C-alpha atoms as a PDB file:
ATOM      1  CA  MET A   1      79.833  42.790  81.451  1.00  0.00           C
ATOM      2  CA  ASP A   2      76.097  44.254  81.440  1.00  0.00           C
ATOM      3  CA  LYS A   3      75.249  41.305  78.667  1.00  0.00           C
ATOM      4  CA  TRP A   4      76.398  38.554  81.212  1.00  0.00           C
ATOM      5  CA  LEU A   5      74.596  39.805  83.844  1.00  0.00           C
ATOM      6  CA  GLN A   6      71.574  40.691  81.528  1.00  0.00           C
ATOM      7  CA  HIS A   7      71.363  36.527  80.191  1.00  0.00           C
ATOM      8  CA  GLN A   8      72.064  36.283  84.626  1.00  0.00           C
ATOM      9  CA  TRP A   9      68.701  38.230  85.166  1.00  0.00           C
ATOM     10  CA  PHE A  10      66.351  35.688  83.153  1.00  0.00           C
ATOM     11  CA  ARG A  11      67.586  32.655  85.126  1.00  0.00           C
ATOM     12  CA  ILE A  12      69.032  31.262  88.417  1.00  0.00           C
ATOM     13  CA  SER A  13      72.843  30.175  87.815  1.00  0.00           C
ATOM     14  CA  ILE A  14      75.395  29.058  90.149  1.00  0.00           C
ATOM     15  CA  TRP A  15      76.943  32.712  90.374  1.00  0.00           C
ATOM     16  CA  HIS A  16      73.857  33.968  92.046  1.00  0.00           C
ATOM     17  CA  ILE A  17      75.786  32.615  95.104  1.00  0.00           C
ATOM     18  CA  PHE A  18      77.441  35.337  94.751  1.00  0.00           C
ATOM     19  CA  LEU A  19      75.217  38.299  93.665  1.00  0.00           C
ATOM     20  CA  TRP A  20      72.085  36.943  95.767  1.00  0.00           C
ATOM     21  CA  PRO A  21      73.853  38.784  99.216  1.00  0.00           C
ATOM     22  CA  ILE A  22      74.679  41.875  97.351  1.00  0.00           C
ATOM     23  CA  SER A  23      70.734  42.075  95.973  1.00  0.00           C
ATOM     24  CA  LEU A  24      70.192  41.940  99.599  1.00  0.00           C
ATOM     25  CA  LEU A  25      71.786  44.793 100.234  1.00  0.00           C
ATOM     26  CA  PHE A  26      70.551  46.717  97.447  1.00  0.00           C
ATOM     27  CA  GLY A  27      67.011  45.980  98.659  1.00  0.00           C
ATOM     28  CA  LEU A  28      67.778  47.162 102.442  1.00  0.00           C
ATOM     29  CA  LEU A  29      68.876  50.119 100.495  1.00  0.00           C
ATOM     30  CA  VAL A  30      65.629  50.719  98.985  1.00  0.00           C
ATOM     31  CA  VAL A  31      63.577  50.571 101.094  1.00  0.00           C
ATOM     32  CA  ILE A  32      65.262  52.242 103.883  1.00  0.00           C
ATOM     33  CA  ARG A  33      65.770  54.995 101.291  1.00  0.00           C
ATOM     34  CA  ARG A  34      61.715  54.560 100.680  1.00  0.00           C
ATOM     35  CA  TRP A  35      61.124  54.982 104.053  1.00  0.00           C
ATOM     36  CA  CYS A  36      63.127  58.479 104.541  1.00  0.00           C
ATOM     37  CA  TYR A  37      60.771  59.445 102.325  1.00  0.00           C
ATOM     38  CA  ARG A  38      57.664  58.709 103.876  1.00  0.00           C
ATOM     39  CA  LEU A  39      58.953  59.709 106.993  1.00  0.00           C
ATOM     40  CA  ARG A  40      59.907  62.598 105.358  1.00  0.00           C
ATOM     41  CA  LEU A  41      63.264  62.645 106.874  1.00  0.00           C
ATOM     42  CA  PHE A  42      64.380  63.174 103.453  1.00  0.00           C
ATOM     43  CA  LYS A  43      62.810  66.442 101.737  1.00  0.00           C
ATOM     44  CA  ALA A  44      60.162  65.653  98.600  1.00  0.00           C
ATOM     45  CA  THR A  45      59.096  68.560  96.390  1.00  0.00           C
ATOM     46  CA  ARG A  46      55.333  69.194  95.885  1.00  0.00           C
ATOM     47  CA  LEU A  47      55.270  71.353  92.377  1.00  0.00           C
ATOM     48  CA  PRO A  48      52.313  73.536  91.694  1.00  0.00           C
ATOM     49  CA  VAL A  49      50.928  71.557  88.980  1.00  0.00           C
ATOM     50  CA  PRO A  50      50.323  67.876  88.525  1.00  0.00           C
ATOM     51  CA  VAL A  51      52.993  65.224  88.325  1.00  0.00           C
ATOM     52  CA  ILE A  52      52.311  62.253  86.204  1.00  0.00           C
ATOM     53  CA  VAL A  53      55.262  60.059  86.359  1.00  0.00           C
ATOM     54  CA  VAL A  54      55.930  56.925  83.599  1.00  0.00           C
ATOM     55  CA  GLY A  55      58.467  54.343  85.011  1.00  0.00           C
ATOM     56  CA  ASN A  56      59.339  51.166  85.814  1.00  0.00           C
ATOM     57  CA  LEU A  57      60.663  48.893  88.143  1.00  0.00           C
ATOM     58  CA  THR A  58      63.007  46.984  85.649  1.00  0.00           C
ATOM     59  CA  VAL A  59      66.651  48.005  84.704  1.00  0.00           C
ATOM     60  CA  GLY A  60      65.991  48.246  80.252  1.00  0.00           C
ATOM     61  CA  GLY A  61      63.533  49.636  77.758  1.00  0.00           C
ATOM     62  CA  ASN A  62      60.058  48.525  78.406  1.00  0.00           C
ATOM     63  CA  GLY A  63      58.226  51.136  76.251  1.00  0.00           C
ATOM     64  CA  LYS A  64      58.190  54.127  78.411  1.00  0.00           C
ATOM     65  CA  THR A  65      58.714  56.556  75.806  1.00  0.00           C
ATOM     66  CA  PRO A  66      56.036  55.744  73.680  1.00  0.00           C
ATOM     67  CA  LEU A  67      53.372  55.603  76.476  1.00  0.00           C
ATOM     68  CA  VAL A  68      54.830  59.209  77.334  1.00  0.00           C
ATOM     69  CA  ILE A  69      53.781  60.324  73.713  1.00  0.00           C
ATOM     70  CA  TRP A  70      50.623  58.795  73.934  1.00  0.00           C
ATOM     71  CA  LEU A  71      49.597  61.007  77.392  1.00  0.00           C
ATOM     72  CA  ALA A  72      51.142  63.619  75.990  1.00  0.00           C
ATOM     73  CA  GLN A  73      48.829  63.955  73.159  1.00  0.00           C
ATOM     74  CA  PHE A  74      45.903  62.422  75.036  1.00  0.00           C
ATOM     75  CA  LEU A  75      45.700  65.110  77.594  1.00  0.00           C
ATOM     76  CA  ARG A  76      46.313  67.874  74.569  1.00  0.00           C
ATOM     77  CA  GLU A  77      42.797  66.426  73.562  1.00  0.00           C
ATOM     78  CA  GLN A  78      41.601  66.805  76.632  1.00  0.00           C
ATOM     79  CA  GLY A  79      42.481  70.937  76.830  1.00  0.00           C
ATOM     80  CA  TYR A  80      45.531  70.172  79.351  1.00  0.00           C
ATOM     81  CA  THR A  81      48.795  71.593  78.308  1.00  0.00           C
ATOM     82  CA  PRO A  82      51.354  69.012  79.220  1.00  0.00           C
ATOM     83  CA  CYS A  83      54.962  69.625  79.461  1.00  0.00           C
ATOM     84  CA  VAL A  84      57.147  66.800  79.390  1.00  0.00           C
ATOM     85  CA  ILE A  85      60.713  66.267  81.757  1.00  0.00           C
ATOM     86  CA  SER A  86      63.421  63.739  81.298  1.00  0.00           C
ATOM     87  CA  ARG A  87      66.603  62.881  83.397  1.00  0.00           C
ATOM     88  CA  GLY A  88      68.307  62.790  79.439  1.00  0.00           C
ATOM     89  CA  TYR A  89      69.970  59.390  79.706  1.00  0.00           C
ATOM     90  CA  GLY A  90      73.110  59.364  77.802  1.00  0.00           C
ATOM     91  CA  GLY A  91      73.354  62.587  77.225  1.00  0.00           C
ATOM     92  CA  THR A  92      75.864  65.127  78.972  1.00  0.00           C
ATOM     93  CA  ALA A  93      73.700  68.123  80.534  1.00  0.00           C
ATOM     94  CA  THR A  94      73.588  68.456  83.568  1.00  0.00           C
ATOM     95  CA  GLN A  95      71.688  71.579  84.120  1.00  0.00           C
ATOM     96  CA  PRO A  96      68.097  72.316  82.882  1.00  0.00           C
ATOM     97  CA  GLN A  97      68.006  72.865  79.617  1.00  0.00           C
ATOM     98  CA  SER A  98      65.531  73.030  76.692  1.00  0.00           C
ATOM     99  CA  VAL A  99      65.149  70.067  73.998  1.00  0.00           C
ATOM    100  CA  THR A 100      64.341  70.675  70.319  1.00  0.00           C
ATOM    101  CA  SER A 101      64.277  68.223  67.324  1.00  0.00           C
ATOM    102  CA  ALA A 102      67.616  69.962  66.403  1.00  0.00           C
ATOM    103  CA  THR A 103      68.986  69.416  69.675  1.00  0.00           C
ATOM    104  CA  ASP A 104      72.399  67.438  69.528  1.00  0.00           C
ATOM    105  CA  SER A 105      71.199  64.232  70.927  1.00  0.00           C
ATOM    106  CA  SER A 106      74.610  63.337  72.816  1.00  0.00           C
ATOM    107  CA  LEU A 107      74.037  66.016  75.000  1.00  0.00           C
ATOM    108  CA  VAL A 108      70.284  65.601  76.077  1.00  0.00           C
ATOM    109  CA  GLY A 109      69.990  61.714  75.566  1.00  0.00           C
ATOM    110  CA  ASP A 110      68.847  60.052  72.302  1.00  0.00           C
ATOM    111  CA  GLU A 111      64.784  59.615  74.106  1.00  0.00           C
ATOM    112  CA  ALA A 112      64.571  63.507  74.608  1.00  0.00           C
ATOM    113  CA  VAL A 113      65.405  64.178  71.475  1.00  0.00           C
ATOM    114  CA  LEU A 114      63.103  61.301  69.887  1.00  0.00           C
ATOM    115  CA  LEU A 115      60.347  63.423  72.344  1.00  0.00           C
ATOM    116  CA  ALA A 116      60.988  66.281  70.894  1.00  0.00           C
ATOM    117  CA  ARG A 117      60.473  65.891  67.530  1.00  0.00           C
ATOM    118  CA  ARG A 118      57.098  63.709  68.077  1.00  0.00           C
ATOM    119  CA  LEU A 119      55.261  65.883  70.184  1.00  0.00           C
ATOM    120  CA  ARG A 120      53.510  69.312  70.347  1.00  0.00           C
ATOM    121  CA  CYS A 121      54.892  70.410  73.356  1.00  0.00           C
ATOM    122  CA  PRO A 122      57.805  71.553  75.897  1.00  0.00           C
ATOM    123  CA  VAL A 123      60.765  68.977  76.751  1.00  0.00           C
ATOM    124  CA  TRP A 124      63.296  69.947  79.515  1.00  0.00           C
ATOM    125  CA  VAL A 125      66.538  67.740  80.954  1.00  0.00           C
ATOM    126  CA  GLY A 126      68.559  68.046  83.440  1.00  0.00           C
ATOM    127  CA  ALA A 127      70.152  65.533  86.058  1.00  0.00           C
ATOM    128  CA  ASP A 128      67.831  67.338  89.118  1.00  0.00           C
ATOM    129  CA  ARG A 129      63.955  66.772  88.060  1.00  0.00           C
ATOM    130  CA  VAL A 130      63.063  69.384  90.360  1.00  0.00           C
ATOM    131  CA  ALA A 131      65.248  71.941  89.138  1.00  0.00           C
ATOM    132  CA  VAL A 132      64.033  70.389  85.705  1.00  0.00           C
ATOM    133  CA  ALA A 133      60.551  70.876  86.214  1.00  0.00           C
ATOM    134  CA  ARG A 134      60.829  74.790  87.927  1.00  0.00           C
ATOM    135  CA  ALA A 135      62.917  75.679  85.285  1.00  0.00           C
ATOM    136  CA  LEU A 136      60.464  74.987  82.957  1.00  0.00           C
ATOM    137  CA  LEU A 137      57.657  76.133  84.918  1.00  0.00           C
ATOM    138  CA  SER A 138      59.523  79.363  84.923  1.00  0.00           C
ATOM    139  CA  VAL A 139      59.539  79.798  80.981  1.00  0.00           C
ATOM    140  CA  ARG A 140      55.966  78.113  80.338  1.00  0.00           C
ATOM    141  CA  PRO A 141      53.399  79.299  82.881  1.00  0.00           C
ATOM    142  CA  ASP A 142      50.891  78.237  81.043  1.00  0.00           C
ATOM    143  CA  CYS A 143      51.518  74.598  81.347  1.00  0.00           C
ATOM    144  CA  ASN A 144      49.011  73.082  83.596  1.00  0.00           C
ATOM    145  CA  ILE A 145      50.872  68.977  83.593  1.00  0.00           C
ATOM    146  CA  ILE A 146      54.161  67.542  83.958  1.00  0.00           C
ATOM    147  CA  LEU A 147      55.007  64.286  82.330  1.00  0.00           C
ATOM    148  CA  SER A 148      58.146  63.055  83.509  1.00  0.00           C
ATOM    149  CA  ASP A 149      59.806  60.231  81.011  1.00  0.00           C
ATOM    150  CA  ASP A 150      61.060  57.671  83.872  1.00  0.00           C
ATOM    151  CA  GLY A 151      61.630  58.644  87.830  1.00  0.00           C
ATOM    152  CA  MET A 152      59.413  56.239  89.835  1.00  0.00           C
ATOM    153  CA  GLN A 153      62.634  55.639  92.284  1.00  0.00           C
ATOM    154  CA  HIS A 154      63.133  59.805  91.983  1.00  0.00           C
ATOM    155  CA  TYR A 155      61.232  60.430  95.297  1.00  0.00           C
ATOM    156  CA  ARG A 156      62.253  63.789  95.468  1.00  0.00           C
ATOM    157  CA  LEU A 157      59.811  65.093  93.460  1.00  0.00           C
ATOM    158  CA  GLN A 158      56.641  64.405  94.783  1.00  0.00           C
ATOM    159  CA  ARG A 159      54.015  62.807  92.005  1.00  0.00           C
ATOM    160  CA  ASP A 160      50.450  62.672  91.821  1.00  0.00           C
ATOM    161  CA  ILE A 161      50.033  59.764  89.347  1.00  0.00           C
ATOM    162  CA  GLU A 162      52.245  57.137  89.068  1.00  0.00           C
ATOM    163  CA  ILE A 163      52.076  54.795  85.942  1.00  0.00           C
ATOM    164  CA  ALA A 164      54.572  51.657  85.459  1.00  0.00           C
ATOM    165  CA  VAL A 165      55.151  50.301  82.673  1.00  0.00           C
ATOM    166  CA  VAL A 166      55.693  46.209  82.321  1.00  0.00           C
ATOM    167  CA  ASP A 167      57.382  44.110  79.386  1.00  0.00           C
ATOM    168  CA  GLY A 168      54.931  41.584  78.277  1.00  0.00           C
ATOM    169  CA  GLN A 169      57.756  39.243  77.201  1.00  0.00           C
ATOM    170  CA  ARG A 170      60.494  39.759  79.788  1.00  0.00           C
ATOM    171  CA  ARG A 171      57.753  41.083  83.009  1.00  0.00           C
ATOM    172  CA  PHE A 172      60.471  40.606  86.083  1.00  0.00           C
ATOM    173  CA  GLY A 173      62.928  38.421  84.912  1.00  0.00           C
ATOM    174  CA  ASN A 174      63.807  36.261  87.793  1.00  0.00           C
ATOM    175  CA  GLY A 175      61.543  38.808  90.132  1.00  0.00           C
ATOM    176  CA  LEU A 176      65.314  39.197  92.311  1.00  0.00           C
ATOM    177  CA  LEU A 177      66.454  42.604  92.686  1.00  0.00           C
ATOM    178  CA  LEU A 178      69.963  44.155  90.884  1.00  0.00           C
ATOM    179  CA  PRO A 179      72.287  42.982  90.309  1.00  0.00           C
ATOM    180  CA  ALA A 180      70.588  39.154  90.829  1.00  0.00           C
ATOM    181  CA  GLY A 181      67.822  40.379  88.815  1.00  0.00           C
ATOM    182  CA  PRO A 182      66.639  43.060  86.945  1.00  0.00           C
ATOM    183  CA  MET A 183      64.514  44.343  89.744  1.00  0.00           C
ATOM    184  CA  ARG A 184      65.239  48.418  90.935  1.00  0.00           C
ATOM    185  CA  GLU A 185      62.276  47.588  93.393  1.00  0.00           C
ATOM    186  CA  PRO A 186      60.226  44.760  94.521  1.00  0.00           C
ATOM    187  CA  ARG A 187      57.406  43.344  92.482  1.00  0.00           C
ATOM    188  CA  ALA A 188      55.311  44.614  95.955  1.00  0.00           C
ATOM    189  CA  ARG A 189      56.041  48.392  94.958  1.00  0.00           C
ATOM    190  CA  LEU A 190      53.731  47.767  91.893  1.00  0.00           C
ATOM    191  CA  ARG A 191      50.680  47.836  94.973  1.00  0.00           C
ATOM    192  CA  CYS A 192      51.480  51.898  95.308  1.00  0.00           C
ATOM    193  CA  VAL A 193      50.868  52.691  91.686  1.00  0.00           C
ATOM    194  CA  ASP A 194      47.890  53.815  89.987  1.00  0.00           C
ATOM    195  CA  ALA A 195      48.473  52.324  87.394  1.00  0.00           C
ATOM    196  CA  VAL A 196      50.295  49.223  85.584  1.00  0.00           C
ATOM    197  CA  VAL A 197      50.534  49.613  81.494  1.00  0.00           C
ATOM    198  CA  VAL A 198      51.608  45.994  80.129  1.00  0.00           C
ATOM    199  CA  ASN A 199      54.012  46.673  76.496  1.00  0.00           C
ATOM    200  CA  VAL A 200      52.562  43.605  75.195  1.00  0.00           C
ATOM    201  CA  GLY A 201      53.444  42.178  71.766  1.00  0.00           C
ATOM    202  CA  GLN A 202      51.743  40.627  68.291  1.00  0.00           C
ATOM    203  CA  GLU A 203      51.325  36.722  69.919  1.00  0.00           C
ATOM    204  CA  TYR A 204      50.369  38.869  73.824  1.00  0.00           C
ATOM    205  CA  SER A 205      47.041  37.540  74.744  1.00  0.00           C
ATOM    206  CA  THR A 206      44.921  40.234  76.670  1.00  0.00           C
ATOM    207  CA  GLN A 207      43.702  37.300  78.375  1.00  0.00           C
ATOM    208  CA  GLN A 208      46.991  36.883  80.419  1.00  0.00           C
ATOM    209  CA  LEU A 209      46.671  40.632  81.345  1.00  0.00           C
ATOM    210  CA  GLN A 210      45.770  41.142  85.544  1.00  0.00           C
ATOM    211  CA  ALA A 211      42.753  42.930  86.741  1.00  0.00           C
ATOM    212  CA  ASP A 212      44.247  45.952  86.814  1.00  0.00           C
ATOM    213  CA  GLU A 213      46.868  45.934  83.668  1.00  0.00           C
ATOM    214  CA  TYR A 214      45.810  47.904  80.849  1.00  0.00           C
ATOM    215  CA  ALA A 215      47.445  46.681  77.544  1.00  0.00           C
ATOM    216  CA  MET A 216      49.590  48.882  74.902  1.00  0.00           C
ATOM    217  CA  GLN A 217      50.612  47.629  71.893  1.00  0.00           C
ATOM    218  CA  LEU A 218      52.847  49.375  69.283  1.00  0.00           C
ATOM    219  CA  ALA A 219      51.699  49.574  65.827  1.00  0.00           C
ATOM    220  CA  GLY A 220      54.126  50.986  62.873  1.00  0.00           C
ATOM    221  CA  SER A 221      54.285  49.888  59.283  1.00  0.00           C
ATOM    222  CA  GLU A 222      55.573  53.296  57.345  1.00  0.00           C
ATOM    223  CA  PHE A 223      59.482  53.329  57.356  1.00  0.00           C
ATOM    224  CA  HIS A 224      61.438  56.587  56.376  1.00  0.00           C
ATOM    225  CA  SER A 225      64.298  57.667  54.719  1.00  0.00           C
ATOM    226  CA  LEU A 226      67.225  58.914  57.344  1.00  0.00           C
ATOM    227  CA  GLN A 227      68.049  61.056  54.380  1.00  0.00           C
ATOM    228  CA  ASP A 228      65.050  62.580  53.882  1.00  0.00           C
ATOM    229  CA  PRO A 229      62.229  61.451  56.301  1.00  0.00           C
ATOM    230  CA  ASP A 230      59.551  63.156  54.519  1.00  0.00           C
ATOM    231  CA  THR A 231      60.301  60.024  51.685  1.00  0.00           C
ATOM    232  CA  SER A 232      58.125  57.308  53.313  1.00  0.00           C
ATOM    233  CA  ALA A 233      57.844  53.471  51.972  1.00  0.00           C
ATOM    234  CA  GLN A 234      55.751  50.683  53.621  1.00  0.00           C
ATOM    235  CA  ALA A 235      57.095  47.478  54.318  1.00  0.00           C
ATOM    236  CA  SER A 236      55.968  45.643  51.212  1.00  0.00           C
ATOM    237  CA  HIS A 237      59.034  48.145  49.512  1.00  0.00           C
ATOM    238  CA  PHE A 238      61.784  45.948  51.416  1.00  0.00           C
ATOM    239  CA  PHE A 239      60.156  42.984  50.380  1.00  0.00           C
ATOM    240  CA  GLY A 240      62.770  40.540  48.695  1.00  0.00           C
ATOM    241  CA  LYS A 241      65.875  42.394  49.517  1.00  0.00           C
ATOM    242  CA  LYS A 242      68.783  41.696  51.797  1.00  0.00           C
ATOM    243  CA  ILE A 243      67.788  43.500  54.956  1.00  0.00           C
ATOM    244  CA  HIS A 244      70.319  44.409  57.787  1.00  0.00           C
ATOM    245  CA  ALA A 245      68.466  45.868  61.026  1.00  0.00           C
ATOM    246  CA  VAL A 246      69.940  47.688  63.723  1.00  0.00           C
ATOM    247  CA  ALA A 247      68.946  48.017  66.878  1.00  0.00           C
ATOM    248  CA  ALA A 248      70.234  50.100  70.111  1.00  0.00           C
ATOM    249  CA  ILE A 249      67.468  50.264  72.392  1.00  0.00           C
ATOM    250  CA  GLY A 250      66.988  48.331  75.696  1.00  0.00           C
ATOM    251  CA  HIS A 251      64.942  45.220  74.428  1.00  0.00           C
ATOM    252  CA  PRO A 252      66.299  45.109  70.432  1.00  0.00           C
ATOM    253  CA  ALA A 253      64.297  41.764  70.326  1.00  0.00           C
ATOM    254  CA  ARG A 254      60.916  43.616  70.589  1.00  0.00           C
ATOM    255  CA  PHE A 255      62.228  45.520  67.195  1.00  0.00           C
ATOM    256  CA  PHE A 256      62.913  42.519  65.388  1.00  0.00           C
ATOM    257  CA  ASN A 257      60.126  41.007  65.907  1.00  0.00           C
ATOM    258  CA  HIS A 258      57.818  43.714  64.944  1.00  0.00           C
ATOM    259  CA  LEU A 259      59.939  43.705  61.790  1.00  0.00           C
ATOM    260  CA  ARG A 260      59.144  40.133  60.999  1.00  0.00           C
ATOM    261  CA  SER A 261      55.252  40.593  61.901  1.00  0.00           C
ATOM    262  CA  LEU A 262      55.864  42.897  59.182  1.00  0.00           C
ATOM    263  CA  GLY A 263      56.943  40.028  56.575  1.00  0.00           C
ATOM    264  CA  LEU A 264      60.348  41.496  56.101  1.00  0.00           C
ATOM    265  CA  GLU A 265      63.911  38.701  56.591  1.00  0.00           C
ATOM    266  CA  VAL A 266      66.358  40.652  58.373  1.00  0.00           C
ATOM    267  CA  VAL A 267      69.683  40.040  59.532  1.00  0.00           C
ATOM    268  CA  GLU A 268      69.696  41.413  63.150  1.00  0.00           C
ATOM    269  CA  HIS A 269      72.190  43.792  65.066  1.00  0.00           C
ATOM    270  CA  ALA A 270      71.868  44.189  68.406  1.00  0.00           C
ATOM    271  CA  PHE A 271      73.565  47.135  69.946  1.00  0.00           C
ATOM    272  CA  PRO A 272      73.686  48.506  73.508  1.00  0.00           C
ATOM    273  CA  ASP A 273      70.935  50.462  74.529  1.00  0.00           C
ATOM    274  CA  HIS A 274      71.973  54.235  74.068  1.00  0.00           C
ATOM    275  CA  HIS A 275      74.926  53.191  71.480  1.00  0.00           C
ATOM    276  CA  PRO A 276      76.463  56.520  69.826  1.00  0.00           C
ATOM    277  CA  TYR A 277      76.295  55.080  66.295  1.00  0.00           C
ATOM    278  CA  GLN A 278      79.080  56.223  64.024  1.00  0.00           C
ATOM    279  CA  PRO A 279      78.682  55.416  60.096  1.00  0.00           C
ATOM    280  CA  GLN A 280      80.877  52.076  59.953  1.00  0.00           C
ATOM    281  CA  ASP A 281      78.031  50.351  62.160  1.00  0.00           C
ATOM    282  CA  LEU A 282      75.960  50.628  59.773  1.00  0.00           C
ATOM    283  CA  HIS A 283      78.649  49.466  56.769  1.00  0.00           C
ATOM    284  CA  PHE A 284      77.536  45.867  55.648  1.00  0.00           C
ATOM    285  CA  GLU A 285      78.166  45.478  51.913  1.00  0.00           C
ATOM    286  CA  ASP A 286      75.332  43.219  51.301  1.00  0.00           C
ATOM    287  CA  ALA A 287      72.907  45.592  52.614  1.00  0.00           C
ATOM    288  CA  GLU A 288      70.271  46.885  50.214  1.00  0.00           C
ATOM    289  CA  ALA A 289      68.263  48.302  52.690  1.00  0.00           C
ATOM    290  CA  ILE A 290      69.284  49.109  56.755  1.00  0.00           C
ATOM    291  CA  LEU A 291      66.272  48.899  58.932  1.00  0.00           C
ATOM    292  CA  MET A 292      66.492  51.078  62.258  1.00  0.00           C
ATOM    293  CA  SER A 293      63.784  52.180  65.400  1.00  0.00           C
ATOM    294  CA  GLU A 294      63.067  55.928  65.689  1.00  0.00           C
ATOM    295  CA  LYS A 295      65.011  56.082  68.554  1.00  0.00           C
ATOM    296  CA  ASP A 296      68.278  54.556  66.501  1.00  0.00           C
ATOM    297  CA  ALA A 297      67.842  57.018  64.213  1.00  0.00           C
ATOM    298  CA  VAL A 298      68.019  59.881  65.662  1.00  0.00           C
ATOM    299  CA  LYS A 299      71.795  59.540  66.443  1.00  0.00           C
ATOM    300  CA  CYS A 300      71.917  58.707  62.802  1.00  0.00           C
ATOM    301  CA  THR A 301      71.044  62.307  61.492  1.00  0.00           C
ATOM    302  CA  GLY A 302      73.267  63.506  59.067  1.00  0.00           C
ATOM    303  CA  PHE A 303      74.554  60.254  58.152  1.00  0.00           C
ATOM    304  CA  ASN A 304      75.057  59.877  54.240  1.00  0.00           C
ATOM    305  CA  ILE A 305      73.455  56.025  53.571  1.00  0.00           C
ATOM    306  CA  ARG A 306      70.685  56.751  51.077  1.00  0.00           C
ATOM    307  CA  SER A 307      69.763  52.662  52.200  1.00  0.00           C
ATOM    308  CA  ALA A 308      69.307  53.438  55.846  1.00  0.00           C
ATOM    309  CA  TRP A 309      64.973  53.760  57.198  1.00  0.00           C
ATOM    310  CA  PHE A 310      63.730  54.102  60.453  1.00  0.00           C
ATOM    311  CA  LEU A 311      60.308  52.938  61.714  1.00  0.00           C
ATOM    312  CA  PRO A 312      58.280  54.691  64.599  1.00  0.00           C
ATOM    313  CA  VAL A 313      55.805  53.431  66.185  1.00  0.00           C
ATOM    314  CA  THR A 314      52.542  54.496  67.929  1.00  0.00           C
ATOM    315  CA  GLY A 315      51.418  53.055  71.316  1.00  0.00           C
ATOM    316  CA  GLN A 316      47.749  52.529  71.158  1.00  0.00           C
ATOM    317  CA  LEU A 317      45.537  51.874  74.589  1.00  0.00           C
ATOM    318  CA  ALA A 318      41.984  51.193  75.261  1.00  0.00           C
ATOM    319  CA  VAL A 319      39.665  53.836  75.728  1.00  0.00           C
ATOM    320  CA  ALA A 320      39.383  52.349  79.605  1.00  0.00           C
ATOM    321  CA  PHE A 321      43.148  53.518  80.305  1.00  0.00           C
ATOM    322  CA  GLY A 322      41.829  57.231  78.786  1.00  0.00           C
ATOM    323  CA  ASP A 323      39.101  57.439  81.300  1.00  0.00           C
ATOM    324  CA  LYS A 324      41.527  55.734  83.474  1.00  0.00           C
ATOM    325  CA  ILE A 325      44.115  59.076  83.777  1.00  0.00           C
ATOM    326  CA  LEU A 326      40.775  61.626  83.752  1.00  0.00           C
ATOM    327  CA  GLN A 327      39.337  59.860  86.732  1.00  0.00           C
ATOM    328  CA  LEU A 328      42.491  60.330  88.923  1.00  0.00           C
ATOM    329  CA  LEU A 329      43.280  63.934  87.750  1.00  0.00           C
ATOM    330  CA  LYS A 330      39.788  65.280  88.683  1.00  0.00           C
ATOM    331  CA  ALA A 331      40.295  63.761  91.812  1.00  0.00           C
ATOM    332  CA  ILE A 332      43.327  65.343  92.037  1.00  0.00           C
ATOM    333  CA  GLU A 333      42.712  68.635  90.682  1.00  0.00           C
ATOM    334  CA  ASN A 334      39.440  69.060  93.438  1.00  0.00           C
ATOM    335  CA  GLY A 335      42.079  67.515  95.977  1.00  0.00           C
ATOM    336  CA  ARG A 336      44.156  70.783  95.320  1.00  0.00           C
ATOM    337  CA  LYS A 337      41.003  72.918  95.357  1.00  0.00           C
ATOM    338  CA  THR A 338      40.323  72.595  98.889  1.00  0.00           C
ATOM    339  CA  ALA A 339      43.537  71.721 100.279  1.00  0.00           C
END
């Protein structure tokens, strides 16, 4: 059912005769809910430190997590002490809890564990982002800025800066709201955010960007062994081998295309986003190498598969984007001092 719906999100078909009325009702509820917060009929909580929300308007992976990693590292370099909160999507945890590189991904979600492994800052998850942030601040009073991985539609948490991430290839699909299209909110919602980051591919031209958009490119060419992450290999190590590539991410095609851009020929195996891998999922009799994303590797730790490798990627953004974030933070800090 999910695959069928996603197929409809990038076209207009006869099925939209039935899906479109439901999306109109969904859109009405979205507008009413947003206005209830704007009119303060619903209470929103302001935290004692600035909050940056990194989210999107569409369902599926757009590249939020790499951007959160980039922001956390950038802010540390600027002297800030950032902390990260997340819903922990795909995990079973509901109460606020800290995440480490050793935390079970089935409990807190694969993205949260990935963040904990890549960042030198606290990562916390829970169903209620306000409660998560408060719990985090109670044990880490040195934290002076919070990054929320996703949560653009979680209006109960007031935010000081909103960054929307857009998939440069898929953009907004057919532009319709759920379930007729992939949109969580109308496209006009972008007028309210502070910055739009477009996750671009190798073939994407920056000339396609609009004036208020910043390009983010995901770079990575060094693979790491699933059994021993300290063992690494360049793409050339896999040339001429029978390669099977697996991906359980929001947009598997992006990962497969990235592998091809490195000169690799792969047999594709796409799984649903956040798929809970089992060892048999990676059993390919003719495989000389099995390649996966870093997010996939989080769920495969402990699998005794010698031929499995994962590829970490890093977001690359222009200096202008970092300058924009610092300008916004300076204005926020000055405003809080005078409030």
